[in-house]
Amino acid sequence: MKKFYGSFQRAYPIRTAKPARNGYDLNFFRGGIMDELEYTAKIISFPNSALNSFSADFLNEADCNSWFISLAHPADPSCPKCKTKITDNITLKNFLSLKRCTCKNCKLWFTAKTGTILQDSKISVREFYLLSLLLSLKIPTSEISRILKTTQGTVNLWQKKIDLFKEAA
């Protein structure tokens, strides 16, 4: 009996892969087209293909936000102007998700990015995390710009901003 894919029958059956009988039987790869040398080349190039396909999209946004908030606001979240601690649950939830919130005391609108290196920037926290990680690993700026899908000048600018921020701290 032939196996068919989906709720309707197609004109062609699905081919199922059979496991290799020994180390030299590679017929289950691409229907026998790939020989042992090509298979070895694919295995060796895997780290390069993983690096080529890696981007900021692979990072979890919630984890990156919590990382940023723990560094930018090590004490309890508070208003950047009057230093009143945020106690309201809704305001705290907005603050932790990097949304706009208002101070109950001085009526100032602010986010968790206010007063930090990311204030008024278009870079996301995920991209900043990845940029910081890659810069700390001494990855060339050309590779960082390719991974972040930005220009090398932007990466150099952020590298200078981070260095200035380190000096000020």
C-alpha atoms as a PDB file:
ATOM      1  CA  MET A   1       0.000   0.000   0.000  1.00  0.00           C
ATOM      2  CA  LYS A   2       1.343   3.440  -0.923  1.00  0.00           C
ATOM      3  CA  LYS A   3       1.540   6.267   1.614  1.00  0.00           C
ATOM      4  CA  PHE A   4       0.157   9.633   0.587  1.00  0.00           C
ATOM      5  CA  TYR A   5       0.696  13.042   2.177  1.00  0.00           C
ATOM      6  CA  GLY A   6      -2.095  15.335   3.357  1.00  0.00           C
ATOM      7  CA  SER A   7      -5.828  15.059   3.396  1.00  0.00           C
ATOM      8  CA  PHE A   8      -5.972  14.492  -0.340  1.00  0.00           C
ATOM      9  CA  GLN A   9      -4.120  11.913  -2.373  1.00  0.00           C
ATOM     10  CA  ARG A  10      -1.348  13.204  -4.584  1.00  0.00           C
ATOM     11  CA  ALA A  11      -0.238  11.656  -7.786  1.00  0.00           C
ATOM     12  CA  TYR A  12       3.065  10.615  -6.223  1.00  0.00           C
ATOM     13  CA  PRO A  13       3.713   8.681  -3.017  1.00  0.00           C
ATOM     14  CA  ILE A  14       6.064   9.836  -0.248  1.00  0.00           C
ATOM     15  CA  ARG A  15       9.500   8.226  -0.282  1.00  0.00           C
ATOM     16  CA  THR A  16      10.546   6.984   3.117  1.00  0.00           C
ATOM     17  CA  ALA A  17      14.244   6.852   4.023  1.00  0.00           C
ATOM     18  CA  LYS A  18      15.718   3.495   4.922  1.00  0.00           C
ATOM     19  CA  PRO A  19      18.541   3.343   7.479  1.00  0.00           C
ATOM     20  CA  ALA A  20      22.051   2.548   6.290  1.00  0.00           C
ATOM     21  CA  ARG A  21      23.078  -1.080   6.517  1.00  0.00           C
ATOM     22  CA  ASN A  22      26.754  -0.182   7.059  1.00  0.00           C
ATOM     23  CA  GLY A  23      29.084   2.831   7.077  1.00  0.00           C
ATOM     24  CA  TYR A  24      29.421   2.861   3.280  1.00  0.00           C
ATOM     25  CA  ASP A  25      25.749   2.524   2.415  1.00  0.00           C
ATOM     26  CA  LEU A  26      24.650   6.133   1.976  1.00  0.00           C
ATOM     27  CA  ASN A  27      21.712   5.450  -0.298  1.00  0.00           C
ATOM     28  CA  PHE A  28      19.325   6.978   2.195  1.00  0.00           C
ATOM     29  CA  PHE A  29      20.872  10.445   1.629  1.00  0.00           C
ATOM     30  CA  ARG A  30      19.201  12.193  -1.322  1.00  0.00           C
ATOM     31  CA  GLY A  31      18.216   8.951  -2.936  1.00  0.00           C
ATOM     32  CA  GLY A  32      21.814   7.746  -3.392  1.00  0.00           C
ATOM     33  CA  ILE A  33      23.149  10.910  -5.084  1.00  0.00           C
ATOM     34  CA  MET A  34      25.418  11.944  -2.224  1.00  0.00           C
ATOM     35  CA  ASP A  35      28.601   9.913  -1.878  1.00  0.00           C
ATOM     36  CA  GLU A  36      30.814   9.580   1.174  1.00  0.00           C
ATOM     37  CA  LEU A  37      33.063  12.558   0.378  1.00  0.00           C
ATOM     38  CA  GLU A  38      30.127  14.918  -0.080  1.00  0.00           C
ATOM     39  CA  TYR A  39      28.627  13.663   3.173  1.00  0.00           C
ATOM     40  CA  THR A  40      31.910  14.320   5.036  1.00  0.00           C
ATOM     41  CA  ALA A  41      32.078  17.838   3.547  1.00  0.00           C
ATOM     42  CA  LYS A  42      28.539  18.523   4.768  1.00  0.00           C
ATOM     43  CA  ILE A  43      29.415  17.408   8.298  1.00  0.00           C
ATOM     44  CA  ILE A  44      32.591  19.549   8.375  1.00  0.00           C
ATOM     45  CA  SER A  45      30.814  22.668   7.061  1.00  0.00           C
ATOM     46  CA  PHE A  46      28.023  22.462   9.652  1.00  0.00           C
ATOM     47  CA  PRO A  47      29.552  24.982  12.109  1.00  0.00           C
ATOM     48  CA  ASN A  48      30.072  27.456   9.279  1.00  0.00           C
ATOM     49  CA  SER A  49      26.493  27.091   8.085  1.00  0.00           C
ATOM     50  CA  ALA A  50      25.237  27.509  11.663  1.00  0.00           C
ATOM     51  CA  LEU A  51      27.289  30.685  12.007  1.00  0.00           C
ATOM     52  CA  ASN A  52      26.063  31.969   8.634  1.00  0.00           C
ATOM     53  CA  SER A  53      22.417  31.466   9.559  1.00  0.00           C
ATOM     54  CA  PHE A  54      22.729  32.840  13.117  1.00  0.00           C
ATOM     55  CA  SER A  55      21.093  36.214  13.826  1.00  0.00           C
ATOM     56  CA  ALA A  56      19.390  38.144  16.621  1.00  0.00           C
ATOM     57  CA  ASP A  57      16.144  36.319  15.818  1.00  0.00           C
ATOM     58  CA  PHE A  58      17.492  33.201  17.557  1.00  0.00           C
ATOM     59  CA  LEU A  59      17.555  34.950  20.932  1.00  0.00           C
ATOM     60  CA  ASN A  60      14.585  35.008  23.281  1.00  0.00           C
ATOM     61  CA  GLU A  61      13.319  38.572  23.676  1.00  0.00           C
ATOM     62  CA  ALA A  62      12.099  38.128  27.258  1.00  0.00           C
ATOM     63  CA  ASP A  63      15.474  36.781  28.411  1.00  0.00           C
ATOM     64  CA  CYS A  64      17.332  39.630  26.712  1.00  0.00           C
ATOM     65  CA  ASN A  65      14.981  42.183  28.312  1.00  0.00           C
ATOM     66  CA  SER A  66      15.534  40.734  31.788  1.00  0.00           C
ATOM     67  CA  TRP A  67      19.320  40.736  31.173  1.00  0.00           C
ATOM     68  CA  PHE A  68      19.212  44.395  30.150  1.00  0.00           C
ATOM     69  CA  ILE A  69      17.008  45.452  33.084  1.00  0.00           C
ATOM     70  CA  SER A  70      19.210  43.603  35.585  1.00  0.00           C
ATOM     71  CA  LEU A  71      22.242  45.524  34.303  1.00  0.00           C
ATOM     72  CA  ALA A  72      20.606  48.915  33.762  1.00  0.00           C
ATOM     73  CA  HIS A  73      18.524  48.874  36.957  1.00  0.00           C
ATOM     74  CA  PRO A  74      20.251  46.677  39.563  1.00  0.00           C
ATOM     75  CA  ALA A  75      18.119  48.139  42.365  1.00  0.00           C
ATOM     76  CA  ASP A  76      14.330  48.169  42.309  1.00  0.00           C
ATOM     77  CA  PRO A  77      12.774  49.889  39.270  1.00  0.00           C
ATOM     78  CA  SER A  78      12.241  53.570  39.946  1.00  0.00           C
ATOM     79  CA  CYS A  79      11.451  56.861  38.243  1.00  0.00           C
ATOM     80  CA  PRO A  80      14.562  58.366  36.625  1.00  0.00           C
ATOM     81  CA  LYS A  81      13.546  61.906  37.699  1.00  0.00           C
ATOM     82  CA  CYS A  82      12.225  61.722  41.286  1.00  0.00           C
ATOM     83  CA  LYS A  83      13.618  58.244  42.146  1.00  0.00           C
ATOM     84  CA  THR A  84      10.233  57.021  43.421  1.00  0.00           C
ATOM     85  CA  LYS A  85      10.089  53.212  43.394  1.00  0.00           C
ATOM     86  CA  ILE A  86       7.531  51.595  41.118  1.00  0.00           C
ATOM     87  CA  THR A  87       5.012  49.725  43.239  1.00  0.00           C
ATOM     88  CA  ASP A  88       1.960  49.551  40.968  1.00  0.00           C
ATOM     89  CA  ASN A  89       1.650  46.129  39.301  1.00  0.00           C
ATOM     90  CA  ILE A  90       0.561  47.475  35.912  1.00  0.00           C
ATOM     91  CA  THR A  91       3.339  50.068  35.826  1.00  0.00           C
ATOM     92  CA  LEU A  92       5.876  47.454  36.926  1.00  0.00           C
ATOM     93  CA  LYS A  93       4.691  45.068  34.209  1.00  0.00           C
ATOM     94  CA  ASN A  94       5.038  47.827  31.585  1.00  0.00           C
ATOM     95  CA  PHE A  95       8.497  48.725  32.905  1.00  0.00           C
ATOM     96  CA  LEU A  96       9.739  45.127  32.762  1.00  0.00           C
ATOM     97  CA  SER A  97       8.432  44.685  29.209  1.00  0.00           C
ATOM     98  CA  LEU A  98      10.184  47.929  28.118  1.00  0.00           C
ATOM     99  CA  LYS A  99       6.890  49.721  27.478  1.00  0.00           C
ATOM    100  CA  ARG A 100       6.095  53.300  28.442  1.00  0.00           C
ATOM    101  CA  CYS A 101       5.007  53.925  31.996  1.00  0.00           C
ATOM    102  CA  THR A 102       4.248  56.989  34.074  1.00  0.00           C
ATOM    103  CA  CYS A 103       5.433  57.993  37.519  1.00  0.00           C
ATOM    104  CA  LYS A 104       2.589  58.379  40.012  1.00  0.00           C
ATOM    105  CA  ASN A 105       4.511  61.100  41.853  1.00  0.00           C
ATOM    106  CA  CYS A 106       5.926  63.458  39.163  1.00  0.00           C
ATOM    107  CA  LYS A 107       3.814  62.289  36.161  1.00  0.00           C
ATOM    108  CA  LEU A 108       6.935  61.682  34.009  1.00  0.00           C
ATOM    109  CA  TRP A 109       6.579  59.245  31.102  1.00  0.00           C
ATOM    110  CA  PHE A 110       9.591  56.904  30.791  1.00  0.00           C
ATOM    111  CA  THR A 111      10.729  53.394  29.852  1.00  0.00           C
ATOM    112  CA  ALA A 112      13.394  51.066  31.224  1.00  0.00           C
ATOM    113  CA  LYS A 113      15.695  52.378  28.475  1.00  0.00           C
ATOM    114  CA  THR A 114      15.490  55.974  29.773  1.00  0.00           C
ATOM    115  CA  GLY A 115      18.885  57.166  30.981  1.00  0.00           C
ATOM    116  CA  THR A 116      20.760  54.160  29.535  1.00  0.00           C
ATOM    117  CA  ILE A 117      22.911  53.543  26.481  1.00  0.00           C
ATOM    118  CA  LEU A 118      19.807  52.403  24.576  1.00  0.00           C
ATOM    119  CA  GLN A 119      17.807  55.597  25.152  1.00  0.00           C
ATOM    120  CA  ASP A 120      16.552  57.027  21.821  1.00  0.00           C
ATOM    121  CA  SER A 121      18.197  54.222  19.832  1.00  0.00           C
ATOM    122  CA  LYS A 122      16.549  52.090  17.173  1.00  0.00           C
ATOM    123  CA  ILE A 123      18.503  48.976  18.079  1.00  0.00           C
ATOM    124  CA  SER A 124      16.532  46.312  19.938  1.00  0.00           C
ATOM    125  CA  VAL A 125      17.676  44.784  23.202  1.00  0.00           C
ATOM    126  CA  ARG A 126      18.223  41.437  21.434  1.00  0.00           C
ATOM    127  CA  GLU A 127      20.492  43.081  18.884  1.00  0.00           C
ATOM    128  CA  PHE A 128      22.341  44.944  21.642  1.00  0.00           C
ATOM    129  CA  TYR A 129      22.835  41.702  23.589  1.00  0.00           C
ATOM    130  CA  LEU A 130      24.178  39.934  20.506  1.00  0.00           C
ATOM    131  CA  LEU A 131      26.365  42.929  19.622  1.00  0.00           C
ATOM    132  CA  SER A 132      27.814  43.001  23.147  1.00  0.00           C
ATOM    133  CA  LEU A 133      28.423  39.267  23.101  1.00  0.00           C
ATOM    134  CA  LEU A 134      30.150  39.281  19.718  1.00  0.00           C
ATOM    135  CA  LEU A 135      32.280  42.313  20.600  1.00  0.00           C
ATOM    136  CA  SER A 136      33.393  40.646  23.840  1.00  0.00           C
ATOM    137  CA  LEU A 137      34.409  37.551  21.831  1.00  0.00           C
ATOM    138  CA  LYS A 138      36.578  39.784  19.592  1.00  0.00           C
ATOM    139  CA  ILE A 139      34.628  38.838  16.442  1.00  0.00           C
ATOM    140  CA  PRO A 140      35.572  41.112  13.491  1.00  0.00           C
ATOM    141  CA  THR A 141      33.157  43.983  12.913  1.00  0.00           C
ATOM    142  CA  SER A 142      32.561  42.814   9.348  1.00  0.00           C
ATOM    143  CA  GLU A 143      31.181  39.492  10.647  1.00  0.00           C
ATOM    144  CA  ILE A 144      29.114  41.262  13.322  1.00  0.00           C
ATOM    145  CA  SER A 145      27.580  43.556  10.720  1.00  0.00           C
ATOM    146  CA  ARG A 146      26.679  40.543   8.575  1.00  0.00           C
ATOM    147  CA  ILE A 147      25.072  38.707  11.513  1.00  0.00           C
ATOM    148  CA  LEU A 148      23.119  41.782  12.650  1.00  0.00           C
ATOM    149  CA  LYS A 149      22.244  42.711   9.044  1.00  0.00           C
ATOM    150  CA  THR A 150      23.572  46.244   9.460  1.00  0.00           C
ATOM    151  CA  THR A 151      26.523  48.261   8.214  1.00  0.00           C
ATOM    152  CA  GLN A 152      30.040  48.010   9.554  1.00  0.00           C
ATOM    153  CA  GLY A 153      29.920  51.717  10.394  1.00  0.00           C
ATOM    154  CA  THR A 154      26.959  51.126  12.712  1.00  0.00           C
ATOM    155  CA  VAL A 155      28.841  48.353  14.499  1.00  0.00           C
ATOM    156  CA  ASN A 156      31.892  50.623  14.882  1.00  0.00           C
ATOM    157  CA  LEU A 157      29.671  53.403  16.254  1.00  0.00           C
ATOM    158  CA  TRP A 158      28.116  51.081  18.834  1.00  0.00           C
ATOM    159  CA  GLN A 159      31.559  49.789  19.777  1.00  0.00           C
ATOM    160  CA  LYS A 160      32.642  53.379  20.505  1.00  0.00           C
ATOM    161  CA  LYS A 161      29.417  54.022  22.487  1.00  0.00           C
ATOM    162  CA  ILE A 162      29.996  50.919  24.597  1.00  0.00           C
ATOM    163  CA  ASP A 163      33.634  51.924  25.236  1.00  0.00           C
ATOM    164  CA  LEU A 164      32.541  55.425  26.305  1.00  0.00           C
ATOM    165  CA  PHE A 165      29.858  53.942  28.550  1.00  0.00           C
ATOM    166  CA  LYS A 166      32.462  51.667  30.194  1.00  0.00           C
ATOM    167  CA  GLU A 167      34.768  54.639  30.825  1.00  0.00           C
ATOM    168  CA  ALA A 168      31.952  56.684  32.375  1.00  0.00           C
ATOM    169  CA  ALA A 169      30.950  53.867  34.744  1.00  0.00           C
END
